Amino acid sequence: MKSLKKRITDVFLRYTIMLLLAIPGLWIFYTIFTPLTVYPIYFLLNLFFGATLSGNIVLVNNLPIEIIGACVAASAYYLLLILNLSTPNIVLKTHAFIAFVVRAPNHEKTNVTRPIVTR
């Protein structure tokens, strides 16, 4: 078990990071996640329809598609960060792994058989 001083330092550090990211607002998340949202959409649409990109607007066959802030979902990423950092007893390496890798847990394959129904 961790000593009391290490646990207090851990809690203080995690909540300080959360506060420092909360003070300036969500612009940090929008700055990071807007390009990560716009460019994959542009590349996908460009594969099939020959799209063009101008800022946050993807033009497909003269039809503008604007990627607005709600599409970027910066608030959802901020909530995930808050949940991640407010969870106690997680090593820093695990926090980083949770923040950058989202995947379903591995479950062992089980042989599930359906009941035989006779009428």
Protein backbone atom coordinates (compact mmCIF):
# COMPACT_ATOMS: atom_id res chain seq x y z
CA MET A 1 0.00 0.00 0.00
CA LYS A 2 1.03 3.52 -0.60
CA SER A 3 2.04 5.67 2.26
CA LEU A 4 -0.33 8.42 3.32
CA LYS A 5 1.98 11.13 1.97
CA LYS A 6 2.12 9.51 -1.49
CA ARG A 7 -1.65 9.13 -1.59
CA ILE A 8 -2.22 12.78 -0.68
CA THR A 9 0.33 13.88 -3.27
CA ASP A 10 -1.37 11.68 -5.88
CA VAL A 11 -4.81 13.13 -5.17
CA PHE A 12 -3.45 16.68 -5.11
CA LEU A 13 -1.64 16.21 -8.43
CA ARG A 14 -4.64 14.65 -10.20
CA TYR A 15 -7.08 17.33 -9.06
CA THR A 16 -4.58 20.11 -9.84
CA ILE A 17 -4.33 18.82 -13.41
CA MET A 18 -8.13 18.79 -13.65
CA LEU A 19 -8.37 22.36 -12.34
CA LEU A 20 -5.63 23.63 -14.63
CA LEU A 21 -7.41 22.16 -17.63
CA ALA A 22 -10.76 23.57 -16.48
CA ILE A 23 -9.63 27.16 -15.93
CA PRO A 24 -9.05 28.16 -19.59
CA GLY A 25 -12.19 26.34 -20.72
CA LEU A 26 -12.65 23.79 -23.44
CA TRP A 27 -10.54 25.55 -26.10
CA ILE A 28 -7.67 23.12 -25.39
CA PHE A 29 -9.90 20.19 -26.24
CA TYR A 30 -11.35 21.93 -29.31
CA THR A 31 -7.83 22.77 -30.51
CA ILE A 32 -6.77 19.14 -30.20
CA PHE A 33 -9.92 17.34 -31.32
CA THR A 34 -11.22 19.60 -34.12
CA PRO A 35 -8.50 18.53 -36.59
CA LEU A 36 -8.85 14.94 -35.37
CA THR A 37 -12.53 15.13 -36.32
CA VAL A 38 -12.42 17.24 -39.50
CA TYR A 39 -9.59 15.51 -41.36
CA PRO A 40 -10.86 11.91 -41.09
CA ILE A 41 -14.30 13.07 -42.27
CA TYR A 42 -12.69 14.94 -45.16
CA PHE A 43 -10.50 12.00 -46.17
CA LEU A 44 -13.43 9.57 -46.04
CA LEU A 45 -15.70 11.83 -48.08
CA ASN A 46 -12.87 12.59 -50.49
CA LEU A 47 -12.43 8.86 -51.16
CA PHE A 48 -15.98 8.49 -52.42
CA PHE A 49 -17.17 11.92 -53.54
CA GLY A 50 -14.15 14.11 -54.31
CA ALA A 51 -14.66 16.52 -51.41
CA THR A 52 -12.79 19.76 -50.76
CA LEU A 53 -11.87 21.21 -47.38
CA SER A 54 -12.02 24.86 -46.34
CA GLY A 55 -11.48 25.39 -42.61
CA ASN A 56 -14.17 23.37 -40.83
CA ILE A 57 -16.34 23.13 -43.94
CA VAL A 58 -16.21 20.06 -46.17
CA LEU A 59 -17.68 20.70 -49.62
CA VAL A 60 -19.18 17.62 -51.27
CA ASN A 61 -20.77 18.07 -54.71
CA ASN A 62 -21.37 21.78 -53.94
CA LEU A 63 -23.06 20.82 -50.68
CA PRO A 64 -21.32 22.38 -47.65
CA ILE A 65 -21.01 20.29 -44.51
CA GLU A 66 -19.83 22.34 -41.55
CA ILE A 67 -18.22 20.49 -38.67
CA ILE A 68 -19.54 22.40 -35.65
CA GLY A 69 -18.34 22.19 -32.05
CA ALA A 70 -21.00 19.66 -31.12
CA CYS A 71 -19.58 17.27 -33.73
CA VAL A 72 -16.15 17.55 -32.14
CA ALA A 73 -17.57 16.57 -28.72
CA ALA A 74 -14.85 18.28 -26.68
CA SER A 75 -17.09 18.26 -23.61
CA ALA A 76 -17.36 14.48 -23.79
CA TYR A 77 -13.58 14.15 -23.92
CA TYR A 78 -13.30 16.53 -20.99
CA LEU A 79 -15.77 14.43 -19.01
CA LEU A 80 -13.76 11.30 -19.80
CA LEU A 81 -10.62 13.05 -18.56
CA ILE A 82 -12.37 14.08 -15.34
CA LEU A 83 -13.60 10.53 -14.77
CA ASN A 84 -10.16 9.15 -15.55
CA LEU A 85 -8.29 11.50 -13.24
CA SER A 86 -10.80 11.30 -10.40
CA THR A 87 -10.53 7.52 -10.19
CA PRO A 88 -8.24 6.62 -7.28
CA ASN A 89 -5.60 3.89 -7.09
CA ILE A 90 -4.62 3.97 -10.76
CA VAL A 91 -0.96 4.20 -11.75
CA LEU A 92 0.04 7.13 -14.01
CA LYS A 93 0.85 4.73 -16.85
CA THR A 94 -2.67 3.30 -16.63
CA HIS A 95 -4.19 6.80 -16.66
CA ALA A 96 -2.35 7.51 -19.91
CA PHE A 97 -3.43 4.18 -21.37
CA ILE A 98 -7.08 4.82 -20.50
CA ALA A 99 -6.91 8.35 -21.91
CA PHE A 100 -5.51 7.34 -25.29
CA VAL A 101 -6.82 3.85 -25.90
CA VAL A 102 -10.51 3.10 -25.83
CA ARG A 103 -11.35 -0.55 -26.22
CA ALA A 104 -13.71 -3.14 -24.88
CA PRO A 105 -12.41 -5.51 -22.22
CA ASN A 106 -11.26 -8.92 -23.36
CA HIS A 107 -13.64 -11.67 -22.43
CA GLU A 108 -12.81 -15.30 -22.72
CA LYS A 109 -14.75 -17.06 -25.40
CA THR A 110 -17.42 -19.19 -23.90
CA ASN A 111 -19.46 -21.86 -25.53
CA VAL A 112 -22.97 -20.59 -25.24
CA THR A 113 -25.56 -22.99 -26.49
CA ARG A 114 -29.11 -22.10 -27.18
CA PRO A 115 -31.77 -24.20 -25.53
CA ILE A 116 -33.52 -26.58 -27.83
CA VAL A 117 -37.12 -25.66 -28.11
CA THR A 118 -39.51 -28.29 -29.37
CA ARG A 119 -43.08 -27.62 -30.20
